[in-house]
N, C-alpha and C. Protein backbone atom coordinates (compact mmCIF):
# COMPACT_ATOMS: atom_id res chain seq x y z
N MET A 1 -84.60 -48.57 -15.11
CA MET A 1 -84.44 -49.19 -14.26
C MET A 1 -84.82 -47.18 -12.64
N GLY A 2 -84.76 -45.95 -13.41
CA GLY A 2 -85.51 -44.85 -12.94
C GLY A 2 -86.31 -45.47 -12.43
N ALA A 3 -87.25 -45.73 -13.22
CA ALA A 3 -88.63 -45.16 -12.94
C ALA A 3 -88.93 -46.27 -11.04
N ILE A 4 -87.69 -47.45 -11.20
CA ILE A 4 -88.41 -48.86 -10.23
C ILE A 4 -87.87 -47.94 -8.65
N THR A 5 -86.30 -47.26 -9.49
CA THR A 5 -85.77 -46.20 -8.14
C THR A 5 -86.81 -45.38 -7.37
N LEU A 6 -87.57 -44.49 -8.18
CA LEU A 6 -88.11 -43.42 -7.71
C LEU A 6 -89.22 -44.37 -6.63
N LEU A 7 -90.34 -45.24 -7.66
CA LEU A 7 -91.37 -46.31 -6.46
C LEU A 7 -90.66 -46.88 -5.99
N LEU A 8 -89.56 -47.03 -5.30
CA LEU A 8 -89.30 -47.59 -3.75
C LEU A 8 -88.98 -46.29 -3.64
N ASP A 9 -88.50 -44.90 -3.53
CA ASP A 9 -87.90 -44.14 -2.90
C ASP A 9 -89.51 -43.62 -2.56
N THR A 10 -90.43 -43.25 -3.56
CA THR A 10 -91.63 -43.43 -2.79
C THR A 10 -92.32 -43.99 -1.87
N ILE A 11 -92.33 -45.46 -2.05
CA ILE A 11 -93.03 -46.17 -0.95
C ILE A 11 -91.88 -46.41 0.45
N VAL A 12 -91.05 -45.97 0.36
CA VAL A 12 -89.77 -45.73 1.85
C VAL A 12 -90.10 -44.06 2.25
N PHE A 13 -90.09 -43.24 1.54
CA PHE A 13 -90.89 -42.20 1.69
C PHE A 13 -91.87 -42.43 2.70
N ILE A 14 -93.09 -42.38 2.02
CA ILE A 14 -94.58 -42.97 2.66
C ILE A 14 -94.35 -43.35 3.96
N PHE A 15 -93.90 -44.89 3.95
CA PHE A 15 -93.43 -45.52 5.17
C PHE A 15 -93.16 -45.01 5.95
N SER A 16 -92.02 -44.47 5.67
CA SER A 16 -91.69 -43.40 6.61
C SER A 16 -92.01 -41.82 7.48
N LEU A 17 -92.21 -41.44 6.53
CA LEU A 17 -93.17 -40.85 6.90
C LEU A 17 -94.15 -40.94 7.90
N VAL A 18 -94.88 -41.99 7.77
CA VAL A 18 -96.16 -42.34 8.36
C VAL A 18 -95.29 -42.62 9.91
N ILE A 19 -94.61 -43.76 10.29
CA ILE A 19 -93.83 -44.22 10.80
C ILE A 19 -93.14 -43.06 11.84
N ALA A 20 -92.77 -42.02 11.20
CA ALA A 20 -92.26 -40.32 11.91
C ALA A 20 -93.24 -39.81 12.77
N ILE A 21 -94.53 -39.88 12.03
CA ILE A 21 -95.18 -39.07 12.62
C ILE A 21 -95.85 -39.98 14.14
N THR A 22 -96.53 -40.70 13.59
CA THR A 22 -97.68 -42.10 14.42
C THR A 22 -96.87 -42.24 15.36
N THR A 23 -95.58 -42.51 15.65
CA THR A 23 -94.80 -42.97 16.53
C THR A 23 -94.38 -41.84 18.06
N PRO A 24 -94.01 -40.81 17.80
CA PRO A 24 -94.17 -40.01 18.93
C PRO A 24 -95.61 -39.66 19.16
N LEU A 25 -96.37 -39.60 18.67
CA LEU A 25 -97.74 -38.88 18.89
C LEU A 25 -99.06 -39.80 18.94
N LEU A 26 -98.60 -41.73 18.98
CA LEU A 26 -99.75 -42.19 19.42
C LEU A 26 -98.98 -43.72 19.99
N ASP A 27 -97.54 -44.46 19.40
CA ASP A 27 -97.02 -45.41 20.42
C ASP A 27 -96.54 -45.07 21.35
N SER A 28 -95.87 -43.78 21.45
CA SER A 28 -95.11 -43.72 22.52
C SER A 28 -96.20 -43.23 24.38
N GLN A 29 -97.26 -43.20 24.20
CA GLN A 29 -98.34 -43.21 24.84
C GLN A 29 -98.64 -44.26 25.82
N SER A 30 -98.34 -45.38 25.26
CA SER A 30 -98.42 -47.05 25.53
C SER A 30 -97.33 -46.53 26.60
N CYS A 31 -96.07 -46.35 26.41
CA CYS A 31 -95.24 -46.36 27.18
C CYS A 31 -94.98 -45.44 28.27
N LEU A 32 -96.13 -44.78 28.70
CA LEU A 32 -96.28 -43.76 29.11
C LEU A 32 -97.83 -44.35 30.54
N PRO A 33 -97.48 -43.93 32.10
CA PRO A 33 -98.22 -44.48 33.11
C PRO A 33 -99.66 -43.24 33.04
N SER A 34 -100.78 -43.99 32.58
CA SER A 34 -102.10 -43.33 32.12
C SER A 34 -101.96 -42.18 33.36
N HIS A 35 -101.37 -42.66 34.17
CA HIS A 35 -101.87 -41.39 35.02
C HIS A 35 -101.16 -40.22 34.83
N SER A 36 -99.72 -40.22 33.96
CA SER A 36 -99.37 -38.80 33.23
C SER A 36 -100.00 -38.25 32.04
N LEU A 37 -100.86 -38.83 31.64
CA LEU A 37 -101.33 -38.09 30.48
C LEU A 37 -102.67 -37.34 30.62
N THR A 38 -102.72 -36.34 30.21
CA THR A 38 -104.16 -35.65 31.04
C THR A 38 -105.42 -36.45 29.77
N SER A 39 -106.35 -35.92 30.28
CA SER A 39 -107.46 -35.97 29.09
C SER A 39 -107.51 -36.20 28.14
N SER A 40 -106.88 -34.48 27.50
CA SER A 40 -107.09 -34.86 25.60
C SER A 40 -105.75 -35.47 25.80
N LEU A 41 -104.92 -35.90 25.93
CA LEU A 41 -103.96 -36.51 24.99
C LEU A 41 -104.21 -38.02 25.41
N ARG A 42 -104.90 -38.67 25.86
CA ARG A 42 -105.38 -40.37 26.17
C ARG A 42 -106.02 -40.35 25.07
N LEU A 43 -105.33 -41.66 23.98
CA LEU A 43 -106.36 -42.32 23.17
C LEU A 43 -107.11 -42.85 23.28
N SER A 44 -108.38 -42.09 22.09
CA SER A 44 -109.98 -42.07 22.18
C SER A 44 -110.55 -43.87 22.42
N TRP A 45 -109.53 -44.32 22.08
CA TRP A 45 -110.04 -45.64 21.61
C TRP A 45 -109.76 -46.85 23.24
N ILE A 46 -109.10 -45.89 24.03
CA ILE A 46 -108.69 -46.67 25.76
C ILE A 46 -109.45 -46.04 26.09
N ARG A 47 -109.94 -44.98 26.40
CA ARG A 47 -110.61 -44.17 27.17
C ARG A 47 -111.58 -43.56 26.65
N ARG A 48 -112.81 -43.26 27.17
CA ARG A 48 -113.79 -42.38 27.08
C ARG A 48 -114.22 -42.00 28.42
N ASN A 49 -114.62 -40.80 28.38
CA ASN A 49 -115.49 -40.45 30.15
C ASN A 49 -114.44 -40.86 30.76
N GLY A 50 -113.21 -41.29 30.95
CA GLY A 50 -112.88 -42.11 32.17
C GLY A 50 -113.30 -44.10 32.91
N THR A 51 -113.74 -44.10 31.78
CA THR A 51 -114.41 -45.27 31.92
C THR A 51 -113.92 -46.36 30.52
N PRO A 52 -112.54 -47.75 30.63
CA PRO A 52 -112.25 -48.03 29.45
C PRO A 52 -113.84 -48.74 28.41
N ILE A 53 -113.39 -48.19 27.53
CA ILE A 53 -113.97 -49.11 26.50
C ILE A 53 -113.54 -49.99 25.61
N SER A 54 -114.34 -51.35 25.92
CA SER A 54 -114.43 -52.90 25.49
C SER A 54 -113.92 -52.84 23.82
N THR A 55 -112.93 -53.21 23.34
CA THR A 55 -112.48 -52.85 21.94
C THR A 55 -111.90 -53.94 21.53
N GLY A 56 -111.57 -54.71 22.93
CA GLY A 56 -111.10 -56.23 22.70
C GLY A 56 -109.34 -55.99 21.85
N ASP A 57 -108.57 -54.70 22.32
CA ASP A 57 -107.79 -54.43 22.07
C ASP A 57 -106.99 -54.45 23.10
N TYR A 58 -106.62 -55.73 24.08
CA TYR A 58 -105.97 -55.60 25.32
C TYR A 58 -104.27 -55.33 25.29
N LEU A 59 -103.70 -55.11 24.20
CA LEU A 59 -102.44 -55.29 24.41
C LEU A 59 -102.29 -53.29 24.70
N VAL A 60 -103.52 -52.38 24.47
CA VAL A 60 -102.95 -51.02 24.68
C VAL A 60 -103.45 -51.42 26.11
N THR A 61 -104.52 -51.34 26.24
CA THR A 61 -105.61 -51.29 27.24
C THR A 61 -104.83 -52.09 28.69
N GLU A 62 -104.06 -53.16 28.87
CA GLU A 62 -103.51 -53.74 29.67
C GLU A 62 -101.94 -53.78 29.67
N LYS A 63 -101.08 -52.85 28.95
CA LYS A 63 -100.01 -52.96 28.46
C LYS A 63 -99.17 -53.84 29.44
N PRO A 64 -98.65 -55.27 28.35
CA PRO A 64 -97.57 -56.51 29.34
C PRO A 64 -96.47 -56.12 28.54
N ARG A 65 -95.81 -56.53 29.50
CA ARG A 65 -94.49 -55.77 29.57
C ARG A 65 -93.67 -56.21 27.75
N PHE A 66 -94.30 -56.88 27.46
CA PHE A 66 -93.65 -57.87 25.88
C PHE A 66 -94.01 -56.62 25.01
N PHE A 67 -95.06 -55.92 24.77
CA PHE A 67 -95.67 -54.96 24.19
C PHE A 67 -94.78 -53.86 24.88
N VAL A 68 -94.67 -53.40 26.10
CA VAL A 68 -94.32 -51.90 25.97
C VAL A 68 -92.79 -52.24 25.75
N GLY A 69 -91.80 -53.11 25.85
CA GLY A 69 -90.77 -53.40 25.50
C GLY A 69 -90.32 -52.73 23.66
N LEU A 70 -91.14 -53.81 22.72
CA LEU A 70 -91.55 -54.08 21.63
C LEU A 70 -92.18 -51.52 20.85
N ILE A 71 -92.63 -51.27 21.92
CA ILE A 71 -92.45 -49.84 21.72
C ILE A 71 -91.98 -48.84 22.29
N TRP A 72 -90.84 -49.56 23.01
CA TRP A 72 -88.91 -48.96 22.93
C TRP A 72 -88.69 -48.74 22.65
N VAL A 73 -88.13 -50.02 21.42
CA VAL A 73 -87.19 -50.41 20.24
C VAL A 73 -88.22 -49.76 18.85
N GLU A 74 -89.51 -49.81 19.03
CA GLU A 74 -89.88 -48.58 17.78
C GLU A 74 -89.69 -47.27 18.29
N VAL A 75 -89.50 -46.67 19.37
CA VAL A 75 -89.18 -45.23 19.61
C VAL A 75 -87.72 -45.17 19.54
N PHE A 76 -87.08 -45.85 20.23
CA PHE A 76 -85.65 -45.72 20.18
C PHE A 76 -84.47 -46.05 19.13
N PHE A 77 -85.13 -47.16 18.26
CA PHE A 77 -84.60 -48.27 16.75
C PHE A 77 -85.38 -47.19 15.84
N LEU A 78 -86.66 -47.83 15.55
CA LEU A 78 -87.18 -47.48 14.37
C LEU A 78 -88.07 -45.79 14.32
N TRP A 79 -88.18 -45.12 15.40
CA TRP A 79 -88.72 -43.68 15.07
C TRP A 79 -86.92 -43.51 13.88
N PRO A 80 -86.35 -43.21 14.92
CA PRO A 80 -84.39 -42.75 14.67
C PRO A 80 -84.09 -42.55 13.37
N LEU A 81 -84.11 -43.98 12.71
CA LEU A 81 -83.81 -44.46 11.29
C LEU A 81 -84.97 -43.88 10.30
N CYS A 82 -86.48 -43.91 10.84
CA CYS A 82 -87.41 -43.03 9.56
C CYS A 82 -86.85 -42.01 9.64
N VAL A 83 -86.49 -41.14 10.28
CA VAL A 83 -86.32 -39.64 10.20
C VAL A 83 -85.38 -39.62 9.72
N ALA A 84 -84.22 -40.16 9.43
CA ALA A 84 -83.11 -40.38 8.84
C ALA A 84 -83.44 -40.76 6.85
N ASN A 85 -84.45 -41.80 7.10
CA ASN A 85 -84.31 -42.49 5.99
C ASN A 85 -85.30 -41.42 4.96
N LEU A 86 -86.48 -40.37 5.75
CA LEU A 86 -87.01 -39.62 5.89
C LEU A 86 -85.76 -38.14 5.00
N TYR A 87 -84.35 -37.87 5.76
CA TYR A 87 -83.68 -36.90 5.52
C TYR A 87 -82.97 -37.13 4.22
N GLY A 88 -82.48 -38.03 4.42
CA GLY A 88 -82.04 -38.87 3.10
C GLY A 88 -82.42 -38.73 1.84
N ILE A 89 -83.78 -39.17 1.88
CA ILE A 89 -84.50 -39.50 0.63
C ILE A 89 -84.80 -37.59 0.08
N VAL A 90 -84.91 -36.70 1.25
CA VAL A 90 -85.02 -35.77 0.73
C VAL A 90 -84.01 -34.87 0.10
């Protein structure tokens, strides 16, 4: 039983660590207006040299309202939960 608990703790720790790092750095940029980001902070798959790159990722380039709402839920609910998970496991 101890090995299963350790395995599950490791999986939850890695998942929470990935979410805790990527949410403020990458996902939260989808909620901000594009003019508020400097060129060094813009996501590289959205724009390069000021022109949109057609990668087929219309969610990030067009920012539909439901997608921005899902990102806000992730920023305000999932991210603090993952940070609390990391604190609890450590």
